[in-house]
């Protein structure tokens, strides 16, 4: 969307997008080719601690998202409501 707003040429945008994704996926494939056996060996030996770490990470992320939603969002909405100006009546007063 930013590219459209900034009137960035569509052809340049798509070529940059394609190049960026190609570099990223080739890098992932290259690293997977080099380190795949070591990763599989490590995870087959330590799958329970890795699984527990991922579960804890997911729970912490969920709690963080809940705290953000319950604490920050109402404050942000209150700020936006206080900035809203009430419409004037016919007499010119608020």
C-alpha atoms as a PDB file:
ATOM      1  CA  UNK A   1       0.000   0.000   0.000  1.00  0.00           C
ATOM      2  CA  UNK A   2       2.836   2.371   0.778  1.00  0.00           C
ATOM      3  CA  UNK A   3       4.271   1.836  -2.669  1.00  0.00           C
ATOM      4  CA  UNK A   4       0.940   2.899  -4.173  1.00  0.00           C
ATOM      5  CA  UNK A   5       0.672   5.968  -1.972  1.00  0.00           C
ATOM      6  CA  UNK A   6       4.217   7.034  -2.768  1.00  0.00           C
ATOM      7  CA  UNK A   7       3.608   6.460  -6.508  1.00  0.00           C
ATOM      8  CA  UNK A   8       6.461   3.950  -6.643  1.00  0.00           C
ATOM      9  CA  UNK A   9       6.576   2.280 -10.079  1.00  0.00           C
ATOM     10  CA  UNK A  10       4.758  -1.039 -10.010  1.00  0.00           C
ATOM     11  CA  UNK A  11       7.410  -2.825 -12.043  1.00  0.00           C
ATOM     12  CA  UNK A  12      10.209  -1.748  -9.667  1.00  0.00           C
ATOM     13  CA  UNK A  13       8.105  -2.721  -6.660  1.00  0.00           C
ATOM     14  CA  UNK A  14       7.395  -6.220  -7.961  1.00  0.00           C
ATOM     15  CA  UNK A  15      10.997  -6.776  -9.009  1.00  0.00           C
ATOM     16  CA  UNK A  16      12.249  -5.706  -5.558  1.00  0.00           C
ATOM     17  CA  UNK A  17       9.624  -7.883  -3.883  1.00  0.00           C
ATOM     18  CA  UNK A  18      10.530 -10.906  -6.012  1.00  0.00           C
ATOM     19  CA  UNK A  19      14.262 -10.411  -5.513  1.00  0.00           C
ATOM     20  CA  UNK A  20      13.892 -10.034  -1.747  1.00  0.00           C
ATOM     21  CA  UNK A  21      11.790 -13.148  -1.410  1.00  0.00           C
ATOM     22  CA  UNK A  22      14.092 -15.155  -3.671  1.00  0.00           C
ATOM     23  CA  UNK A  23      17.154 -14.188  -1.606  1.00  0.00           C
ATOM     24  CA  UNK A  24      15.342 -15.056   1.619  1.00  0.00           C
ATOM     25  CA  UNK A  25      14.127 -18.462   0.443  1.00  0.00           C
ATOM     26  CA  UNK A  26      17.460 -19.381  -1.127  1.00  0.00           C
ATOM     27  CA  UNK A  27      19.208 -18.446   2.136  1.00  0.00           C
ATOM     28  CA  UNK A  28      16.779 -20.611   4.120  1.00  0.00           C
ATOM     29  CA  UNK A  29      17.263 -23.515   1.716  1.00  0.00           C
ATOM     30  CA  UNK A  30      21.041 -23.122   1.885  1.00  0.00           C
ATOM     31  CA  UNK A  31      21.078 -23.094   5.697  1.00  0.00           C
ATOM     32  CA  UNK A  32      18.662 -26.023   5.776  1.00  0.00           C
ATOM     33  CA  UNK A  33      20.930 -27.978   3.460  1.00  0.00           C
ATOM     34  CA  UNK A  34      23.995 -27.293   5.595  1.00  0.00           C
ATOM     35  CA  UNK A  35      22.537 -27.673   9.094  1.00  0.00           C
ATOM     36  CA  UNK A  36      19.596 -30.050   8.596  1.00  0.00           C
ATOM     37  CA  UNK A  37      21.286 -33.140  10.028  1.00  0.00           C
ATOM     38  CA  UNK A  38      22.588 -31.295  13.077  1.00  0.00           C
ATOM     39  CA  UNK A  39      19.139 -29.771  13.727  1.00  0.00           C
ATOM     40  CA  UNK A  40      17.391 -33.128  13.407  1.00  0.00           C
ATOM     41  CA  UNK A  41      19.979 -34.762  15.651  1.00  0.00           C
ATOM     42  CA  UNK A  42      19.667 -32.022  18.281  1.00  0.00           C
ATOM     43  CA  UNK A  43      15.867 -32.043  18.270  1.00  0.00           C
ATOM     44  CA  UNK A  44      15.665 -35.848  18.405  1.00  0.00           C
ATOM     45  CA  UNK A  45      17.812 -35.791  21.559  1.00  0.00           C
ATOM     46  CA  UNK A  46      16.214 -32.739  23.195  1.00  0.00           C
ATOM     47  CA  UNK A  47      12.658 -32.678  21.894  1.00  0.00           C
ATOM     48  CA  UNK A  48      10.959 -32.470  25.319  1.00  0.00           C
ATOM     49  CA  UNK A  49      12.853 -29.383  26.570  1.00  0.00           C
ATOM     50  CA  UNK A  50      12.392 -27.734  23.160  1.00  0.00           C
ATOM     51  CA  UNK A  51       8.666 -28.509  23.237  1.00  0.00           C
ATOM     52  CA  UNK A  52       8.320 -27.158  26.787  1.00  0.00           C
ATOM     53  CA  UNK A  53      10.235 -24.009  25.830  1.00  0.00           C
ATOM     54  CA  UNK A  54       7.903 -23.425  22.879  1.00  0.00           C
ATOM     55  CA  UNK A  55       4.840 -23.968  25.065  1.00  0.00           C
ATOM     56  CA  UNK A  56       6.148 -21.503  27.667  1.00  0.00           C
ATOM     57  CA  UNK A  57       6.940 -19.007  24.919  1.00  0.00           C
ATOM     58  CA  UNK A  58       3.413 -19.335  23.513  1.00  0.00           C
ATOM     59  CA  UNK A  59       1.834 -18.883  26.959  1.00  0.00           C
ATOM     60  CA  UNK A  60       3.981 -15.832  27.722  1.00  0.00           C
ATOM     61  CA  UNK A  61       3.115 -14.322  24.334  1.00  0.00           C
ATOM     62  CA  UNK A  62      -0.575 -14.974  24.966  1.00  0.00           C
ATOM     63  CA  UNK A  63      -0.434 -13.352  28.396  1.00  0.00           C
ATOM     64  CA  UNK A  64       1.446 -10.393  26.938  1.00  0.00           C
ATOM     65  CA  UNK A  65      -1.161  -9.967  24.211  1.00  0.00           C
ATOM     66  CA  UNK A  66      -3.957 -10.174  26.791  1.00  0.00           C
ATOM     67  CA  UNK A  67      -2.281  -7.565  28.996  1.00  0.00           C
ATOM     68  CA  UNK A  68      -1.796  -5.307  25.996  1.00  0.00           C
ATOM     69  CA  UNK A  69      -5.404  -5.712  24.951  1.00  0.00           C
ATOM     70  CA  UNK A  70      -6.852  -5.114  28.413  1.00  0.00           C
ATOM     71  CA  UNK A  71      -4.498  -2.374  29.623  1.00  0.00           C
ATOM     72  CA  UNK A  72      -3.278  -0.367  26.653  1.00  0.00           C
ATOM     73  CA  UNK A  73      -6.304  -0.424  24.359  1.00  0.00           C
ATOM     74  CA  UNK A  74      -8.766   1.230  26.787  1.00  0.00           C
ATOM     75  CA  UNK A  75      -6.247   3.994  27.556  1.00  0.00           C
ATOM     76  CA  UNK A  76      -5.623   4.561  23.876  1.00  0.00           C
ATOM     77  CA  UNK A  77      -9.359   4.691  23.166  1.00  0.00           C
ATOM     78  CA  UNK A  78      -9.869   7.157  26.046  1.00  0.00           C
ATOM     79  CA  UNK A  79      -7.191   9.449  24.612  1.00  0.00           C
ATOM     80  CA  UNK A  80      -8.864   9.414  21.216  1.00  0.00           C
ATOM     81  CA  UNK A  81     -12.287  10.126  22.755  1.00  0.00           C
ATOM     82  CA  UNK A  82     -10.977  13.117  24.706  1.00  0.00           C
ATOM     83  CA  UNK A  83      -9.468  14.617  21.557  1.00  0.00           C
ATOM     84  CA  UNK A  84     -12.807  14.521  19.764  1.00  0.00           C
ATOM     85  CA  UNK A  85     -14.422  17.923  19.692  1.00  0.00           C
ATOM     86  CA  UNK A  86     -18.131  18.078  20.395  1.00  0.00           C
ATOM     87  CA  UNK A  87     -20.211  19.672  17.655  1.00  0.00           C
ATOM     88  CA  UNK A  88     -21.409  23.212  18.240  1.00  0.00           C
ATOM     89  CA  UNK A  89     -25.058  23.950  18.724  1.00  0.00           C
ATOM     90  CA  UNK A  90     -27.007  26.619  16.878  1.00  0.00           C
ATOM     91  CA  UNK A  91     -26.228  29.221  19.560  1.00  0.00           C
ATOM     92  CA  UNK A  92     -22.481  28.745  19.065  1.00  0.00           C
ATOM     93  CA  UNK A  93     -21.763  27.132  22.433  1.00  0.00           C
ATOM     94  CA  UNK A  94     -20.680  23.604  23.096  1.00  0.00           C
END
